[in-house]
């Protein structure tokens, strides 16, 4: 039947018994398949990560200012990557940086949850917060 219509016999679902086949133009089938894949890719949500940088001796006013920005980012559905950057000999204050990040996570608990607890990566201590689902 496919040869009579000058089309191709395409196996759609080989795992089913008996296998499902269609008589269609194979090139057109591939084109539409690529088009669907591209469309689903474009509809996929892209994860945006906003970064907030602290120092080990960040003042309360600066801390609150950055915390308010993080709240807005989490409300908008973005992930927040908070990190404490240690310059020079400041690496001796690792505990202060960890305390700062844990305090940051506890104060943002109603807006987002920590996806990664504070961990040291070179001269940066990084923590990632993800938004809470609505």
C-alpha atoms as a PDB file:
ATOM      1  CA  UNK A   1       0.000   0.000   0.000  1.00  0.00           C
ATOM      2  CA  UNK A   2       2.876   2.367   0.821  1.00  0.00           C
ATOM      3  CA  UNK A   3       4.564   1.761  -2.540  1.00  0.00           C
ATOM      4  CA  UNK A   4       1.291   2.415  -4.385  1.00  0.00           C
ATOM      5  CA  UNK A   5       0.951   5.814  -2.672  1.00  0.00           C
ATOM      6  CA  UNK A   6       4.696   6.511  -3.098  1.00  0.00           C
ATOM      7  CA  UNK A   7       5.080   7.016   0.670  1.00  0.00           C
ATOM      8  CA  UNK A   8       7.046   5.270   3.426  1.00  0.00           C
ATOM      9  CA  UNK A   9       5.932   2.638   5.936  1.00  0.00           C
ATOM     10  CA  UNK A  10       7.143   3.945   9.331  1.00  0.00           C
ATOM     11  CA  UNK A  11       7.168   1.914  12.539  1.00  0.00           C
ATOM     12  CA  UNK A  12       5.760   4.245  15.232  1.00  0.00           C
ATOM     13  CA  UNK A  13       5.678   2.000  18.342  1.00  0.00           C
ATOM     14  CA  UNK A  14       7.893  -1.104  18.015  1.00  0.00           C
ATOM     15  CA  UNK A  15       7.542  -2.160  21.685  1.00  0.00           C
ATOM     16  CA  UNK A  16       3.795  -2.903  21.372  1.00  0.00           C
ATOM     17  CA  UNK A  17       2.589  -6.305  20.125  1.00  0.00           C
ATOM     18  CA  UNK A  18       1.710  -6.083  17.220  1.00  0.00           C
ATOM     19  CA  UNK A  19       3.944  -3.054  16.353  1.00  0.00           C
ATOM     20  CA  UNK A  20       2.186   0.108  15.211  1.00  0.00           C
ATOM     21  CA  UNK A  21       3.039   1.360  11.712  1.00  0.00           C
ATOM     22  CA  UNK A  22       1.872   4.314   9.622  1.00  0.00           C
ATOM     23  CA  UNK A  23       2.038   5.110   5.943  1.00  0.00           C
ATOM     24  CA  UNK A  24       3.509   8.632   5.814  1.00  0.00           C
ATOM     25  CA  UNK A  25       6.203  10.727   4.169  1.00  0.00           C
ATOM     26  CA  UNK A  26       9.266   9.918   6.330  1.00  0.00           C
ATOM     27  CA  UNK A  27      11.104  13.204   5.673  1.00  0.00           C
ATOM     28  CA  UNK A  28       8.027  15.178   6.676  1.00  0.00           C
ATOM     29  CA  UNK A  29       7.712  12.994   9.793  1.00  0.00           C
ATOM     30  CA  UNK A  30      11.322  13.745  10.802  1.00  0.00           C
ATOM     31  CA  UNK A  31      10.798  17.467  10.168  1.00  0.00           C
ATOM     32  CA  UNK A  32       7.722  17.573  12.409  1.00  0.00           C
ATOM     33  CA  UNK A  33       9.515  15.554  15.101  1.00  0.00           C
ATOM     34  CA  UNK A  34      12.418  18.039  15.142  1.00  0.00           C
ATOM     35  CA  UNK A  35       9.930  20.899  15.233  1.00  0.00           C
ATOM     36  CA  UNK A  36       8.184  19.397  18.311  1.00  0.00           C
ATOM     37  CA  UNK A  37      11.509  18.853  20.094  1.00  0.00           C
ATOM     38  CA  UNK A  38      12.557  22.436  19.430  1.00  0.00           C
ATOM     39  CA  UNK A  39       9.207  23.727  20.687  1.00  0.00           C
ATOM     40  CA  UNK A  40       9.395  21.739  23.930  1.00  0.00           C
ATOM     41  CA  UNK A  41      12.970  22.960  24.451  1.00  0.00           C
ATOM     42  CA  UNK A  42      11.915  26.584  24.102  1.00  0.00           C
ATOM     43  CA  UNK A  43       9.033  26.105  26.552  1.00  0.00           C
ATOM     44  CA  UNK A  44      11.319  24.559  29.181  1.00  0.00           C
ATOM     45  CA  UNK A  45      11.967  26.935  32.052  1.00  0.00           C
ATOM     46  CA  UNK A  46      15.490  28.237  32.251  1.00  0.00           C
ATOM     47  CA  UNK A  47      16.948  28.340  35.743  1.00  0.00           C
ATOM     48  CA  UNK A  48      18.333  31.780  36.582  1.00  0.00           C
ATOM     49  CA  UNK A  49      20.775  32.038  39.475  1.00  0.00           C
ATOM     50  CA  UNK A  50      21.272  35.414  41.134  1.00  0.00           C
ATOM     51  CA  UNK A  51      24.444  35.933  43.130  1.00  0.00           C
ATOM     52  CA  UNK A  52      24.809  37.804  46.411  1.00  0.00           C
ATOM     53  CA  UNK A  53      28.300  38.449  47.735  1.00  0.00           C
ATOM     54  CA  UNK A  54      29.222  38.953  51.369  1.00  0.00           C
ATOM     55  CA  UNK A  55      32.484  39.557  53.180  1.00  0.00           C
ATOM     56  CA  UNK A  56      33.254  37.871  56.499  1.00  0.00           C
ATOM     57  CA  UNK A  57      32.796  41.230  58.274  1.00  0.00           C
ATOM     58  CA  UNK A  58      29.619  42.414  56.487  1.00  0.00           C
ATOM     59  CA  UNK A  59      27.821  45.120  58.485  1.00  0.00           C
ATOM     60  CA  UNK A  60      24.164  44.745  59.562  1.00  0.00           C
ATOM     61  CA  UNK A  61      22.887  47.449  57.191  1.00  0.00           C
ATOM     62  CA  UNK A  62      24.627  45.876  54.188  1.00  0.00           C
ATOM     63  CA  UNK A  63      23.444  42.441  55.293  1.00  0.00           C
ATOM     64  CA  UNK A  64      19.795  43.593  55.525  1.00  0.00           C
ATOM     65  CA  UNK A  65      20.045  45.365  52.167  1.00  0.00           C
ATOM     66  CA  UNK A  66      21.320  42.200  50.475  1.00  0.00           C
ATOM     67  CA  UNK A  67      18.785  40.048  52.336  1.00  0.00           C
ATOM     68  CA  UNK A  68      15.932  42.194  50.966  1.00  0.00           C
ATOM     69  CA  UNK A  69      17.280  41.756  47.432  1.00  0.00           C
ATOM     70  CA  UNK A  70      17.450  37.993  47.979  1.00  0.00           C
ATOM     71  CA  UNK A  71      13.816  37.984  49.160  1.00  0.00           C
ATOM     72  CA  UNK A  72      12.774  39.723  45.931  1.00  0.00           C
ATOM     73  CA  UNK A  73      14.779  37.256  43.822  1.00  0.00           C
ATOM     74  CA  UNK A  74      13.199  34.262  45.587  1.00  0.00           C
ATOM     75  CA  UNK A  75       9.697  35.756  45.215  1.00  0.00           C
ATOM     76  CA  UNK A  76      10.349  36.122  41.463  1.00  0.00           C
ATOM     77  CA  UNK A  77      11.274  32.417  41.294  1.00  0.00           C
ATOM     78  CA  UNK A  78      15.035  32.765  40.870  1.00  0.00           C
ATOM     79  CA  UNK A  79      17.657  30.735  42.712  1.00  0.00           C
ATOM     80  CA  UNK A  80      20.021  32.669  44.961  1.00  0.00           C
ATOM     81  CA  UNK A  81      23.703  31.826  45.254  1.00  0.00           C
ATOM     82  CA  UNK A  82      25.021  33.510  48.396  1.00  0.00           C
ATOM     83  CA  UNK A  83      28.738  33.438  48.992  1.00  0.00           C
ATOM     84  CA  UNK A  84      31.272  34.878  51.380  1.00  0.00           C
ATOM     85  CA  UNK A  85      34.489  35.938  49.664  1.00  0.00           C
ATOM     86  CA  UNK A  86      37.647  35.764  51.749  1.00  0.00           C
ATOM     87  CA  UNK A  87      40.526  38.092  50.754  1.00  0.00           C
ATOM     88  CA  UNK A  88      44.072  37.460  51.872  1.00  0.00           C
ATOM     89  CA  UNK A  89      44.279  36.400  55.511  1.00  0.00           C
ATOM     90  CA  UNK A  90      40.514  36.646  56.011  1.00  0.00           C
ATOM     91  CA  UNK A  91      40.365  32.882  55.343  1.00  0.00           C
ATOM     92  CA  UNK A  92      41.047  32.539  59.085  1.00  0.00           C
ATOM     93  CA  UNK A  93      37.434  33.708  59.671  1.00  0.00           C
ATOM     94  CA  UNK A  94      35.801  30.628  58.073  1.00  0.00           C
ATOM     95  CA  UNK A  95      33.477  30.158  61.060  1.00  0.00           C
ATOM     96  CA  UNK A  96      32.238  33.755  60.777  1.00  0.00           C
ATOM     97  CA  UNK A  97      31.427  33.202  57.105  1.00  0.00           C
ATOM     98  CA  UNK A  98      29.569  29.982  57.819  1.00  0.00           C
ATOM     99  CA  UNK A  99      27.587  31.604  60.655  1.00  0.00           C
ATOM    100  CA  UNK A 100      26.683  34.486  58.325  1.00  0.00           C
ATOM    101  CA  UNK A 101      25.408  32.137  55.595  1.00  0.00           C
ATOM    102  CA  UNK A 102      23.435  29.972  58.050  1.00  0.00           C
ATOM    103  CA  UNK A 103      21.837  33.105  59.526  1.00  0.00           C
ATOM    104  CA  UNK A 104      21.016  34.222  55.975  1.00  0.00           C
ATOM    105  CA  UNK A 105      19.347  30.853  55.239  1.00  0.00           C
ATOM    106  CA  UNK A 106      17.339  30.862  58.477  1.00  0.00           C
ATOM    107  CA  UNK A 107      16.037  34.399  57.858  1.00  0.00           C
ATOM    108  CA  UNK A 108      14.978  33.493  54.302  1.00  0.00           C
ATOM    109  CA  UNK A 109      13.323  30.222  55.344  1.00  0.00           C
ATOM    110  CA  UNK A 110       9.781  31.381  54.524  1.00  0.00           C
ATOM    111  CA  UNK A 111      10.785  32.442  50.987  1.00  0.00           C
ATOM    112  CA  UNK A 112      13.222  29.695  49.987  1.00  0.00           C
ATOM    113  CA  UNK A 113      14.932  26.566  51.174  1.00  0.00           C
ATOM    114  CA  UNK A 114      18.658  25.798  51.082  1.00  0.00           C
ATOM    115  CA  UNK A 115      19.591  23.414  48.259  1.00  0.00           C
ATOM    116  CA  UNK A 116      23.240  23.321  49.251  1.00  0.00           C
ATOM    117  CA  UNK A 117      24.589  24.019  52.719  1.00  0.00           C
ATOM    118  CA  UNK A 118      27.659  26.292  53.089  1.00  0.00           C
ATOM    119  CA  UNK A 119      30.833  24.717  51.794  1.00  0.00           C
ATOM    120  CA  UNK A 120      34.254  26.167  51.171  1.00  0.00           C
ATOM    121  CA  UNK A 121      35.407  26.336  47.552  1.00  0.00           C
ATOM    122  CA  UNK A 122      38.834  27.945  47.356  1.00  0.00           C
ATOM    123  CA  UNK A 123      38.487  31.448  48.798  1.00  0.00           C
ATOM    124  CA  UNK A 124      34.684  31.398  48.629  1.00  0.00           C
ATOM    125  CA  UNK A 125      32.147  29.788  50.930  1.00  0.00           C
ATOM    126  CA  UNK A 126      29.052  29.069  48.816  1.00  0.00           C
ATOM    127  CA  UNK A 127      25.423  28.311  49.668  1.00  0.00           C
ATOM    128  CA  UNK A 128      22.521  27.950  47.204  1.00  0.00           C
ATOM    129  CA  UNK A 129      18.893  28.761  48.046  1.00  0.00           C
ATOM    130  CA  UNK A 130      15.960  27.717  45.872  1.00  0.00           C
ATOM    131  CA  UNK A 131      12.505  29.348  45.860  1.00  0.00           C
ATOM    132  CA  UNK A 132       9.630  27.639  47.636  1.00  0.00           C
ATOM    133  CA  UNK A 133       6.895  26.266  45.396  1.00  0.00           C
ATOM    134  CA  UNK A 134       3.602  28.133  45.434  1.00  0.00           C
END
